[in-house]
Amino acid sequence: MAISVIIWGIIILVVLIYVLFEFKRMRHKLFALFLIGLILFAFFSFNFVFAGKNIQLNSLPDFQKAAQMYFSWLGNAFHNIQIVTTNAIKMNWQGNKST
């Protein structure tokens, strides 16, 4: 009886250690996926914002103008998301009550 409890304790300890190491690896994988997503978002949003505009990043004033344009667009996008979210919350989601 005591040997089986010790064996079960060792098995549970081994499984727990394995799960902890896998969690650590999974955390690194999730961080890598987050960074990849952030890079893709930046790439596609830069292309969207500067499409059709003659932007040269050769000098500091041009870079400042491009950064101002990009962050203005990004701020407006988040503001629009905020407006849509607040309007969705304020809507009547209970439907029509007819008797």
N, C-alpha and C. Protein backbone atom coordinates (compact mmCIF):
# COMPACT_ATOMS: atom_id res chain seq x y z
N MET A 1 0.82 -1.19 0.00
CA MET A 1 0.00 0.00 0.00
C MET A 1 0.86 1.26 0.00
N ALA A 2 1.88 1.30 0.85
CA ALA A 2 2.74 2.47 0.94
C ALA A 2 3.57 2.65 -0.32
N ILE A 3 3.96 1.52 -0.95
CA ILE A 3 4.75 1.60 -2.17
C ILE A 3 3.91 2.19 -3.30
N SER A 4 2.64 1.82 -3.40
CA SER A 4 1.80 2.35 -4.47
C SER A 4 1.56 3.86 -4.28
N VAL A 5 1.47 4.33 -3.05
CA VAL A 5 1.31 5.77 -2.80
C VAL A 5 2.57 6.50 -3.22
N ILE A 6 3.74 5.93 -2.92
CA ILE A 6 5.01 6.54 -3.31
C ILE A 6 5.13 6.57 -4.83
N ILE A 7 4.76 5.49 -5.49
CA ILE A 7 4.83 5.43 -6.95
C ILE A 7 3.89 6.47 -7.56
N TRP A 8 2.66 6.57 -7.04
CA TRP A 8 1.72 7.58 -7.55
C TRP A 8 2.25 8.99 -7.29
N GLY A 9 2.88 9.22 -6.16
CA GLY A 9 3.46 10.52 -5.86
C GLY A 9 4.56 10.88 -6.84
N ILE A 10 5.42 9.90 -7.16
CA ILE A 10 6.50 10.13 -8.12
C ILE A 10 5.93 10.41 -9.51
N ILE A 11 4.91 9.65 -9.91
CA ILE A 11 4.29 9.85 -11.22
C ILE A 11 3.68 11.25 -11.31
N ILE A 12 2.97 11.65 -10.27
CA ILE A 12 2.35 12.98 -10.27
C ILE A 12 3.42 14.07 -10.29
N LEU A 13 4.51 13.87 -9.56
CA LEU A 13 5.60 14.84 -9.55
C LEU A 13 6.25 14.96 -10.92
N VAL A 14 6.48 13.84 -11.60
CA VAL A 14 7.08 13.85 -12.94
C VAL A 14 6.15 14.56 -13.92
N VAL A 15 4.86 14.25 -13.85
CA VAL A 15 3.90 14.89 -14.76
C VAL A 15 3.84 16.39 -14.48
N LEU A 16 3.87 16.79 -13.22
CA LEU A 16 3.83 18.21 -12.87
C LEU A 16 5.06 18.94 -13.40
N ILE A 17 6.22 18.34 -13.26
CA ILE A 17 7.45 18.96 -13.78
C ILE A 17 7.38 19.07 -15.30
N TYR A 18 6.90 18.04 -15.96
CA TYR A 18 6.76 18.06 -17.42
C TYR A 18 5.80 19.18 -17.86
N VAL A 19 4.68 19.31 -17.17
CA VAL A 19 3.70 20.34 -17.52
C VAL A 19 4.29 21.73 -17.31
N LEU A 20 5.05 21.92 -16.24
CA LEU A 20 5.67 23.23 -16.00
C LEU A 20 6.66 23.59 -17.09
N PHE A 21 7.48 22.62 -17.53
CA PHE A 21 8.42 22.90 -18.61
C PHE A 21 7.70 23.17 -19.92
N GLU A 22 6.63 22.44 -20.20
CA GLU A 22 5.86 22.69 -21.42
C GLU A 22 5.18 24.05 -21.37
N PHE A 23 4.71 24.45 -20.21
CA PHE A 23 4.10 25.77 -20.07
C PHE A 23 5.12 26.86 -20.36
N LYS A 24 6.35 26.67 -19.89
CA LYS A 24 7.40 27.65 -20.15
C LYS A 24 7.69 27.75 -21.64
N ARG A 25 7.76 26.62 -22.34
CA ARG A 25 7.97 26.64 -23.79
C ARG A 25 6.78 27.26 -24.50
N MET A 26 5.57 26.95 -24.03
CA MET A 26 4.37 27.49 -24.66
C MET A 26 4.32 29.00 -24.49
N ARG A 27 4.76 29.50 -23.35
CA ARG A 27 4.77 30.94 -23.11
C ARG A 27 5.71 31.62 -24.10
N HIS A 28 6.85 31.02 -24.38
CA HIS A 28 7.78 31.58 -25.36
C HIS A 28 7.17 31.54 -26.76
N LYS A 29 6.46 30.47 -27.08
CA LYS A 29 5.82 30.38 -28.39
C LYS A 29 4.73 31.43 -28.53
N LEU A 30 3.94 31.64 -27.48
CA LEU A 30 2.90 32.66 -27.54
C LEU A 30 3.49 34.05 -27.68
N PHE A 31 4.59 34.31 -27.01
CA PHE A 31 5.26 35.60 -27.15
C PHE A 31 5.78 35.79 -28.57
N ALA A 32 6.33 34.73 -29.15
CA ALA A 32 6.81 34.81 -30.53
C ALA A 32 5.65 35.06 -31.49
N LEU A 33 4.53 34.40 -31.28
CA LEU A 33 3.35 34.63 -32.13
C LEU A 33 2.84 36.06 -31.97
N PHE A 34 2.87 36.59 -30.75
CA PHE A 34 2.47 37.98 -30.53
C PHE A 34 3.37 38.93 -31.29
N LEU A 35 4.68 38.70 -31.24
CA LEU A 35 5.61 39.57 -31.97
C LEU A 35 5.40 39.48 -33.47
N ILE A 36 5.17 38.27 -33.99
CA ILE A 36 4.91 38.11 -35.42
C ILE A 36 3.64 38.85 -35.81
N GLY A 37 2.60 38.74 -35.00
CA GLY A 37 1.36 39.45 -35.28
C GLY A 37 1.55 40.96 -35.24
N LEU A 38 2.34 41.45 -34.29
CA LEU A 38 2.60 42.88 -34.19
C LEU A 38 3.37 43.38 -35.41
N ILE A 39 4.35 42.62 -35.86
CA ILE A 39 5.12 43.00 -37.04
C ILE A 39 4.23 43.00 -38.28
N LEU A 40 3.38 41.98 -38.44
CA LEU A 40 2.47 41.95 -39.58
C LEU A 40 1.48 43.11 -39.54
N PHE A 41 0.94 43.41 -38.36
CA PHE A 41 0.03 44.55 -38.23
C PHE A 41 0.72 45.85 -38.63
N ALA A 42 1.94 46.05 -38.15
CA ALA A 42 2.68 47.27 -38.49
C ALA A 42 2.94 47.35 -39.99
N PHE A 43 3.34 46.25 -40.59
CA PHE A 43 3.64 46.24 -42.03
C PHE A 43 2.41 46.59 -42.85
N PHE A 44 1.28 45.90 -42.59
CA PHE A 44 0.09 46.14 -43.39
C PHE A 44 -0.53 47.50 -43.09
N SER A 45 -0.46 47.96 -41.85
CA SER A 45 -1.02 49.28 -41.55
C SER A 45 -0.17 50.38 -42.17
N PHE A 46 1.16 50.23 -42.18
CA PHE A 46 2.01 51.21 -42.86
C PHE A 46 1.67 51.26 -44.34
N ASN A 47 1.52 50.09 -44.96
CA ASN A 47 1.18 50.06 -46.38
C ASN A 47 -0.18 50.70 -46.63
N PHE A 48 -1.13 50.49 -45.75
CA PHE A 48 -2.47 51.06 -45.93
C PHE A 48 -2.45 52.57 -45.76
N VAL A 49 -1.74 53.06 -44.75
CA VAL A 49 -1.73 54.50 -44.46
C VAL A 49 -0.99 55.27 -45.55
N PHE A 50 0.13 54.74 -46.02
CA PHE A 50 0.96 55.48 -46.96
C PHE A 50 0.70 55.11 -48.41
N ALA A 51 -0.36 54.36 -48.70
CA ALA A 51 -0.68 54.00 -50.08
C ALA A 51 -1.09 55.26 -50.84
N GLY A 52 -0.47 55.49 -51.98
CA GLY A 52 -0.82 56.63 -52.82
C GLY A 52 -0.21 57.94 -52.36
N LYS A 53 0.61 57.92 -51.35
CA LYS A 53 1.24 59.14 -50.85
C LYS A 53 2.74 59.06 -51.14
N ASN A 54 3.29 60.18 -51.55
CA ASN A 54 4.72 60.23 -51.87
C ASN A 54 5.49 60.57 -50.60
N ILE A 55 5.79 59.56 -49.81
CA ILE A 55 6.50 59.75 -48.55
C ILE A 55 7.94 59.25 -48.72
N GLN A 56 8.88 60.14 -48.44
CA GLN A 56 10.29 59.79 -48.45
C GLN A 56 10.80 59.85 -47.02
N LEU A 57 11.48 58.82 -46.58
CA LEU A 57 11.99 58.78 -45.21
C LEU A 57 13.49 59.07 -45.18
N ASN A 58 13.93 60.00 -46.04
CA ASN A 58 15.36 60.30 -46.14
C ASN A 58 15.82 61.33 -45.12
N SER A 59 14.93 62.20 -44.69
CA SER A 59 15.34 63.24 -43.76
C SER A 59 14.46 63.20 -42.51
N LEU A 60 14.90 63.87 -41.48
CA LEU A 60 14.17 63.88 -40.22
C LEU A 60 12.80 64.54 -40.33
N PRO A 61 12.66 65.68 -41.02
CA PRO A 61 11.31 66.27 -41.13
C PRO A 61 10.32 65.36 -41.88
N ASP A 62 10.80 64.65 -42.91
CA ASP A 62 9.93 63.72 -43.62
C ASP A 62 9.53 62.55 -42.72
N PHE A 63 10.48 62.07 -41.93
CA PHE A 63 10.18 60.97 -41.01
C PHE A 63 9.19 61.42 -39.95
N GLN A 64 9.34 62.64 -39.44
CA GLN A 64 8.40 63.17 -38.45
C GLN A 64 7.01 63.32 -39.05
N LYS A 65 6.94 63.76 -40.30
CA LYS A 65 5.64 63.91 -40.97
C LYS A 65 4.98 62.54 -41.14
N ALA A 66 5.76 61.54 -41.53
CA ALA A 66 5.22 60.19 -41.71
C ALA A 66 4.77 59.62 -40.37
N ALA A 67 5.55 59.82 -39.32
CA ALA A 67 5.17 59.31 -37.99
C ALA A 67 3.91 60.00 -37.49
N GLN A 68 3.81 61.31 -37.72
CA GLN A 68 2.61 62.05 -37.31
C GLN A 68 1.39 61.53 -38.06
N MET A 69 1.54 61.28 -39.35
CA MET A 69 0.43 60.78 -40.16
C MET A 69 0.01 59.38 -39.69
N TYR A 70 0.98 58.51 -39.43
CA TYR A 70 0.67 57.15 -39.02
C TYR A 70 -0.02 57.11 -37.66
N PHE A 71 0.54 57.83 -36.68
CA PHE A 71 -0.05 57.79 -35.35
C PHE A 71 -1.39 58.51 -35.30
N SER A 72 -1.59 59.50 -36.16
CA SER A 72 -2.91 60.13 -36.27
C SER A 72 -3.92 59.12 -36.80
N TRP A 73 -3.53 58.38 -37.83
CA TRP A 73 -4.42 57.35 -38.37
C TRP A 73 -4.72 56.28 -37.32
N LEU A 74 -3.70 55.85 -36.60
CA LEU A 74 -3.87 54.82 -35.58
C LEU A 74 -4.78 55.31 -34.45
N GLY A 75 -4.60 56.55 -34.03
CA GLY A 75 -5.47 57.12 -33.00
C GLY A 75 -6.91 57.22 -33.46
N ASN A 76 -7.12 57.63 -34.72
CA ASN A 76 -8.48 57.70 -35.26
C ASN A 76 -9.10 56.31 -35.37
N ALA A 77 -8.30 55.32 -35.71
CA ALA A 77 -8.83 53.95 -35.80
C ALA A 77 -9.30 53.47 -34.43
N PHE A 78 -8.50 53.71 -33.39
CA PHE A 78 -8.91 53.30 -32.04
C PHE A 78 -10.12 54.11 -31.56
N HIS A 79 -10.19 55.38 -31.93
CA HIS A 79 -11.35 56.19 -31.57
C HIS A 79 -12.61 55.66 -32.24
N ASN A 80 -12.50 55.26 -33.51
CA ASN A 80 -13.65 54.69 -34.21
C ASN A 80 -14.09 53.38 -33.58
N ILE A 81 -13.14 52.57 -33.15
CA ILE A 81 -13.48 51.31 -32.47
C ILE A 81 -14.21 51.62 -31.16
N GLN A 82 -13.77 52.65 -30.46
CA GLN A 82 -14.42 53.05 -29.21
C GLN A 82 -15.86 53.50 -29.48
N ILE A 83 -16.07 54.27 -30.53
CA ILE A 83 -17.42 54.75 -30.85
C ILE A 83 -18.33 53.58 -31.20
N VAL A 84 -17.84 52.66 -32.02
CA VAL A 84 -18.65 51.50 -32.41
C VAL A 84 -19.00 50.66 -31.18
N THR A 85 -18.03 50.47 -30.29
CA THR A 85 -18.27 49.67 -29.09
C THR A 85 -19.30 50.32 -28.18
N THR A 86 -19.17 51.63 -27.96
CA THR A 86 -20.14 52.29 -27.08
C THR A 86 -21.53 52.31 -27.71
N ASN A 87 -21.62 52.46 -29.02
CA ASN A 87 -22.93 52.41 -29.67
C ASN A 87 -23.53 51.01 -29.57
N ALA A 88 -22.71 49.99 -29.68
CA ALA A 88 -23.22 48.62 -29.57
C ALA A 88 -23.70 48.33 -28.14
N ILE A 89 -23.02 48.89 -27.15
CA ILE A 89 -23.44 48.68 -25.76
C ILE A 89 -24.75 49.40 -25.48
N LYS A 90 -24.93 50.58 -26.06
CA LYS A 90 -26.14 51.37 -25.80
C LYS A 90 -27.37 50.84 -26.52
N MET A 91 -27.20 49.94 -27.48
CA MET A 91 -28.34 49.44 -28.25
C MET A 91 -29.26 48.59 -27.38
N ASN A 92 -30.50 48.53 -27.80
CA ASN A 92 -31.49 47.69 -27.12
C ASN A 92 -31.39 46.28 -27.70
N TRP A 93 -30.83 45.37 -26.94
CA TRP A 93 -30.60 44.01 -27.42
C TRP A 93 -31.68 43.05 -26.96
N GLN A 94 -32.76 43.55 -26.38
CA GLN A 94 -33.80 42.67 -25.88
C GLN A 94 -34.84 42.33 -26.93
N GLY A 95 -34.86 43.04 -28.03
CA GLY A 95 -35.81 42.73 -29.08
C GLY A 95 -37.17 43.36 -28.81
N ASN A 96 -38.09 43.09 -29.70
CA ASN A 96 -39.44 43.63 -29.57
C ASN A 96 -40.25 42.77 -28.61
N LYS A 97 -40.96 43.43 -27.73
CA LYS A 97 -41.83 42.71 -26.80
C LYS A 97 -43.27 42.92 -27.26
N SER A 98 -43.82 41.93 -27.91
CA SER A 98 -45.20 42.04 -28.36
C SER A 98 -46.04 40.99 -27.63
N THR A 99 -47.26 41.38 -27.29
CA THR A 99 -48.12 40.46 -26.55
C THR A 99 -49.25 40.00 -27.40
